[in-house]
Amino acid sequence: MLAELAKGVTVDRVGRRLDVSGRTVRRRLRCICDRIGVATAIEAVAWAARRRLI
């Protein structure tokens, strides 16, 4: 999910690819952000990129 966002894919398009709603994607992103201790999805993407996870 973060890799797709890093490529510039919209949340709604990610949802369509995963066969879930955009709202579900946003909720999952919020959970990811909470777990890694960042405030936004952009920060989560940067966090993952710095650690070479994406």
PDB file of N, CA and C in Angstrom:
ATOM      1  N   MET A   1       0.826  -1.181   0.000  1.00  0.00           N
ATOM      2  CA  MET A   1       0.000   0.000   0.000  1.00  0.00           C
ATOM      3  C   MET A   1       0.881   1.260   0.000  1.00  0.00           C
ATOM      4  N   LEU A   2       1.874   1.300   0.863  1.00  0.00           N
ATOM      5  CA  LEU A   2       2.753   2.469   0.907  1.00  0.00           C
ATOM      6  C   LEU A   2       3.557   2.604  -0.377  1.00  0.00           C
ATOM      7  N   ALA A   3       3.940   1.482  -0.958  1.00  0.00           N
ATOM      8  CA  ALA A   3       4.700   1.532  -2.209  1.00  0.00           C
ATOM      9  C   ALA A   3       3.860   2.154  -3.322  1.00  0.00           C
ATOM     10  N   GLU A   4       2.589   1.836  -3.348  1.00  0.00           N
ATOM     11  CA  GLU A   4       1.696   2.417  -4.357  1.00  0.00           C
ATOM     12  C   GLU A   4       1.569   3.923  -4.153  1.00  0.00           C
ATOM     13  N   LEU A   5       1.408   4.338  -2.904  1.00  0.00           N
ATOM     14  CA  LEU A   5       1.310   5.769  -2.615  1.00  0.00           C
ATOM     15  C   LEU A   5       2.595   6.495  -2.985  1.00  0.00           C
ATOM     16  N   ALA A   6       3.726   5.834  -2.769  1.00  0.00           N
ATOM     17  CA  ALA A   6       5.009   6.426  -3.121  1.00  0.00           C
ATOM     18  C   ALA A   6       5.119   6.660  -4.625  1.00  0.00           C
ATOM     19  N   LYS A   7       4.452   5.826  -5.401  1.00  0.00           N
ATOM     20  CA  LYS A   7       4.460   5.973  -6.861  1.00  0.00           C
ATOM     21  C   LYS A   7       3.497   7.053  -7.326  1.00  0.00           C
ATOM     22  N   GLY A   8       2.678   7.583  -6.401  1.00  0.00           N
ATOM     23  CA  GLY A   8       1.731   8.633  -6.763  1.00  0.00           C
ATOM     24  C   GLY A   8       0.328   8.143  -7.049  1.00  0.00           C
ATOM     25  N   VAL A   9       0.068   6.895  -6.757  1.00  0.00           N
ATOM     26  CA  VAL A   9      -1.265   6.337  -6.964  1.00  0.00           C
ATOM     27  C   VAL A   9      -2.201   6.880  -5.891  1.00  0.00           C
ATOM     28  N   THR A  10      -3.412   7.249  -6.269  1.00  0.00           N
ATOM     29  CA  THR A  10      -4.353   7.811  -5.312  1.00  0.00           C
ATOM     30  C   THR A  10      -4.887   6.731  -4.371  1.00  0.00           C
ATOM     31  N   VAL A  11      -5.388   7.178  -3.236  1.00  0.00           N
ATOM     32  CA  VAL A  11      -5.950   6.261  -2.245  1.00  0.00           C
ATOM     33  C   VAL A  11      -7.118   5.485  -2.839  1.00  0.00           C
ATOM     34  N   ASP A  12      -7.950   6.160  -3.599  1.00  0.00           N
ATOM     35  CA  ASP A  12      -9.097   5.477  -4.201  1.00  0.00           C
ATOM     36  C   ASP A  12      -8.665   4.416  -5.200  1.00  0.00           C
ATOM     37  N   ARG A  13      -7.634   4.701  -5.967  1.00  0.00           N
ATOM     38  CA  ARG A  13      -7.136   3.721  -6.939  1.00  0.00           C
ATOM     39  C   ARG A  13      -6.504   2.528  -6.221  1.00  0.00           C
ATOM     40  N   VAL A  14      -5.792   2.790  -5.130  1.00  0.00           N
ATOM     41  CA  VAL A  14      -5.234   1.695  -4.318  1.00  0.00           C
ATOM     42  C   VAL A  14      -6.375   0.818  -3.824  1.00  0.00           C
ATOM     43  N   GLY A  15      -7.445   1.455  -3.370  1.00  0.00           N
ATOM     44  CA  GLY A  15      -8.615   0.702  -2.913  1.00  0.00           C
ATOM     45  C   GLY A  15      -9.192  -0.179  -3.993  1.00  0.00           C
ATOM     46  N   ARG A  16      -9.295   0.361  -5.189  1.00  0.00           N
ATOM     47  CA  ARG A  16      -9.825  -0.444  -6.296  1.00  0.00           C
ATOM     48  C   ARG A  16      -8.921  -1.624  -6.597  1.00  0.00           C
ATOM     49  N   ARG A  17      -7.614  -1.405  -6.550  1.00  0.00           N
ATOM     50  CA  ARG A  17      -6.669  -2.498  -6.810  1.00  0.00           C
ATOM     51  C   ARG A  17      -6.755  -3.585  -5.743  1.00  0.00           C
ATOM     52  N   LEU A  18      -7.011  -3.173  -4.505  1.00  0.00           N
ATOM     53  CA  LEU A  18      -7.112  -4.130  -3.403  1.00  0.00           C
ATOM     54  C   LEU A  18      -8.537  -4.643  -3.207  1.00  0.00           C
ATOM     55  N   ASP A  19      -9.461  -4.126  -4.001  1.00  0.00           N
ATOM     56  CA  ASP A  19     -10.877  -4.489  -3.924  1.00  0.00           C
ATOM     57  C   ASP A  19     -11.483  -4.122  -2.561  1.00  0.00           C
ATOM     58  N   VAL A  20     -11.113  -2.946  -2.069  1.00  0.00           N
ATOM     59  CA  VAL A  20     -11.694  -2.375  -0.857  1.00  0.00           C
ATOM     60  C   VAL A  20     -12.009  -0.908  -1.140  1.00  0.00           C
ATOM     61  N   SER A  21     -12.745  -0.278  -0.255  1.00  0.00           N
ATOM     62  CA  SER A  21     -13.096   1.125  -0.466  1.00  0.00           C
ATOM     63  C   SER A  21     -11.919   2.033  -0.109  1.00  0.00           C
ATOM     64  N   GLY A  22     -11.985   3.245  -0.626  1.00  0.00           N
ATOM     65  CA  GLY A  22     -10.974   4.236  -0.285  1.00  0.00           C
ATOM     66  C   GLY A  22     -10.959   4.525   1.201  1.00  0.00           C
ATOM     67  N   ARG A  23     -12.119   4.456   1.809  1.00  0.00           N
ATOM     68  CA  ARG A  23     -12.221   4.687   3.255  1.00  0.00           C
ATOM     69  C   ARG A  23     -11.460   3.612   4.040  1.00  0.00           C
ATOM     70  N   THR A  24     -11.552   2.369   3.574  1.00  0.00           N
ATOM     71  CA  THR A  24     -10.822   1.271   4.214  1.00  0.00           C
ATOM     72  C   THR A  24      -9.322   1.486   4.077  1.00  0.00           C
ATOM     73  N   VAL A  25      -8.888   1.936   2.919  1.00  0.00           N
ATOM     74  CA  VAL A  25      -7.466   2.220   2.704  1.00  0.00           C
ATOM     75  C   VAL A  25      -7.017   3.312   3.665  1.00  0.00           C
ATOM     76  N   ARG A  26      -7.812   4.367   3.795  1.00  0.00           N
ATOM     77  CA  ARG A  26      -7.460   5.453   4.713  1.00  0.00           C
ATOM     78  C   ARG A  26      -7.384   4.954   6.156  1.00  0.00           C
ATOM     79  N   ARG A  27      -8.292   4.090   6.547  1.00  0.00           N
ATOM     80  CA  ARG A  27      -8.290   3.537   7.906  1.00  0.00           C
ATOM     81  C   ARG A  27      -7.042   2.687   8.131  1.00  0.00           C
ATOM     82  N   ARG A  28      -6.686   1.881   7.145  1.00  0.00           N
ATOM     83  CA  ARG A  28      -5.485   1.048   7.266  1.00  0.00           C
ATOM     84  C   ARG A  28      -4.229   1.906   7.317  1.00  0.00           C
ATOM     85  N   LEU A  29      -4.210   2.975   6.537  1.00  0.00           N
ATOM     86  CA  LEU A  29      -3.079   3.896   6.577  1.00  0.00           C
ATOM     87  C   LEU A  29      -2.954   4.539   7.954  1.00  0.00           C
ATOM     88  N   ARG A  30      -4.088   4.897   8.545  1.00  0.00           N
ATOM     89  CA  ARG A  30      -4.077   5.488   9.881  1.00  0.00           C
ATOM     90  C   ARG A  30      -3.479   4.503  10.895  1.00  0.00           C
ATOM     91  N   CYS A  31      -3.830   3.236  10.773  1.00  0.00           N
ATOM     92  CA  CYS A  31      -3.284   2.210  11.668  1.00  0.00           C
ATOM     93  C   CYS A  31      -1.779   2.061  11.463  1.00  0.00           C
ATOM     94  N   ILE A  32      -1.336   2.077  10.212  1.00  0.00           N
ATOM     95  CA  ILE A  32       0.096   1.997   9.919  1.00  0.00           C
ATOM     96  C   ILE A  32       0.811   3.193  10.547  1.00  0.00           C
ATOM     97  N   CYS A  33       0.259   4.373  10.342  1.00  0.00           N
ATOM     98  CA  CYS A  33       0.871   5.589  10.895  1.00  0.00           C
ATOM     99  C   CYS A  33       0.957   5.521  12.414  1.00  0.00           C
ATOM    100  N   ASP A  34      -0.097   5.066  13.042  1.00  0.00           N
ATOM    101  CA  ASP A  34      -0.099   4.946  14.505  1.00  0.00           C
ATOM    102  C   ASP A  34       0.974   3.971  14.981  1.00  0.00           C
ATOM    103  N   ARG A  35       1.111   2.861  14.291  1.00  0.00           N
ATOM    104  CA  ARG A  35       2.095   1.841  14.696  1.00  0.00           C
ATOM    105  C   ARG A  35       3.534   2.312  14.588  1.00  0.00           C
ATOM    106  N   ILE A  36       3.829   3.047  13.518  1.00  0.00           N
ATOM    107  CA  ILE A  36       5.223   3.469  13.325  1.00  0.00           C
ATOM    108  C   ILE A  36       5.496   4.844  13.924  1.00  0.00           C
ATOM    109  N   GLY A  37       4.456   5.489  14.427  1.00  0.00           N
ATOM    110  CA  GLY A  37       4.644   6.745  15.142  1.00  0.00           C
ATOM    111  C   GLY A  37       4.810   7.974  14.286  1.00  0.00           C
ATOM    112  N   VAL A  38       4.089   8.021  13.177  1.00  0.00           N
ATOM    113  CA  VAL A  38       4.113   9.214  12.327  1.00  0.00           C
ATOM    114  C   VAL A  38       2.701   9.766  12.218  1.00  0.00           C
ATOM    115  N   ALA A  39       2.606  11.007  11.730  1.00  0.00           N
ATOM    116  CA  ALA A  39       1.307  11.687  11.707  1.00  0.00           C
ATOM    117  C   ALA A  39       0.548  11.548  10.390  1.00  0.00           C
ATOM    118  N   THR A  40       1.260  11.390   9.279  1.00  0.00           N
ATOM    119  CA  THR A  40       0.594  11.371   7.978  1.00  0.00           C
ATOM    120  C   THR A  40       1.075  10.199   7.118  1.00  0.00           C
ATOM    121  N   ALA A  41       0.308   9.929   6.082  1.00  0.00           N
ATOM    122  CA  ALA A  41       0.678   8.865   5.154  1.00  0.00           C
ATOM    123  C   ALA A  41       1.969   9.208   4.416  1.00  0.00           C
ATOM    124  N   ILE A  42       2.176  10.481   4.126  1.00  0.00           N
ATOM    125  CA  ILE A  42       3.410  10.901   3.459  1.00  0.00           C
ATOM    126  C   ILE A  42       4.607  10.605   4.346  1.00  0.00           C
ATOM    127  N   GLU A  43       4.476  10.873   5.630  1.00  0.00           N
ATOM    128  CA  GLU A  43       5.556  10.553   6.561  1.00  0.00           C
ATOM    129  C   GLU A  43       5.784   9.041   6.630  1.00  0.00           C
ATOM    130  N   ALA A  44       4.707   8.272   6.542  1.00  0.00           N
ATOM    131  CA  ALA A  44       4.834   6.810   6.560  1.00  0.00           C
ATOM    132  C   ALA A  44       5.585   6.326   5.321  1.00  0.00           C
ATOM    133  N   VAL A  45       5.307   6.927   4.183  1.00  0.00           N
ATOM    134  CA  VAL A  45       6.016   6.574   2.950  1.00  0.00           C
ATOM    135  C   VAL A  45       7.497   6.904   3.099  1.00  0.00           C
ATOM    136  N   ALA A  46       7.788   8.082   3.626  1.00  0.00           N
ATOM    137  CA  ALA A  46       9.181   8.479   3.829  1.00  0.00           C
ATOM    138  C   ALA A  46       9.870   7.545   4.821  1.00  0.00           C
ATOM    139  N   TRP A  47       9.186   7.188   5.893  1.00  0.00           N
ATOM    140  CA  TRP A  47       9.713   6.275   6.907  1.00  0.00           C
ATOM    141  C   TRP A  47      10.083   4.943   6.265  1.00  0.00           C
ATOM    142  N   ALA A  48       9.176   4.403   5.457  1.00  0.00           N
ATOM    143  CA  ALA A  48       9.409   3.115   4.802  1.00  0.00           C
ATOM    144  C   ALA A  48      10.541   3.216   3.777  1.00  0.00           C
ATOM    145  N   ALA A  49      10.596   4.326   3.055  1.00  0.00           N
ATOM    146  CA  ALA A  49      11.655   4.508   2.041  1.00  0.00           C
ATOM    147  C   ALA A  49      13.022   4.605   2.708  1.00  0.00           C
ATOM    148  N   ARG A  50      13.115   5.326   3.829  1.00  0.00           N
ATOM    149  CA  ARG A  50      14.388   5.452   4.534  1.00  0.00           C
ATOM    150  C   ARG A  50      14.911   4.099   5.005  1.00  0.00           C
ATOM    151  N   ARG A  51      13.999   3.206   5.299  1.00  0.00           N
ATOM    152  CA  ARG A  51      14.384   1.880   5.769  1.00  0.00           C
ATOM    153  C   ARG A  51      14.456   0.863   4.633  1.00  0.00           C
ATOM    154  N   ARG A  52      14.328   1.358   3.421  1.00  0.00           N
ATOM    155  CA  ARG A  52      14.380   0.543   2.196  1.00  0.00           C
ATOM    156  C   ARG A  52      13.362  -0.600   2.203  1.00  0.00           C
ATOM    157  N   LEU A  53      12.166  -0.295   2.733  1.00  0.00           N
ATOM    158  CA  LEU A  53      11.076  -1.269   2.738  1.00  0.00           C
ATOM    159  C   LEU A  53      10.256  -1.166   1.456  1.00  0.00           C
ATOM    160  N   ILE A  54      10.360  -0.031   0.811  1.00  0.00           N
ATOM    161  CA  ILE A  54       9.652   0.156  -0.457  1.00  0.00           C
ATOM    162  C   ILE A  54      10.618   0.659  -1.502  1.00  0.00           C
TER     163      ILE A  54
END
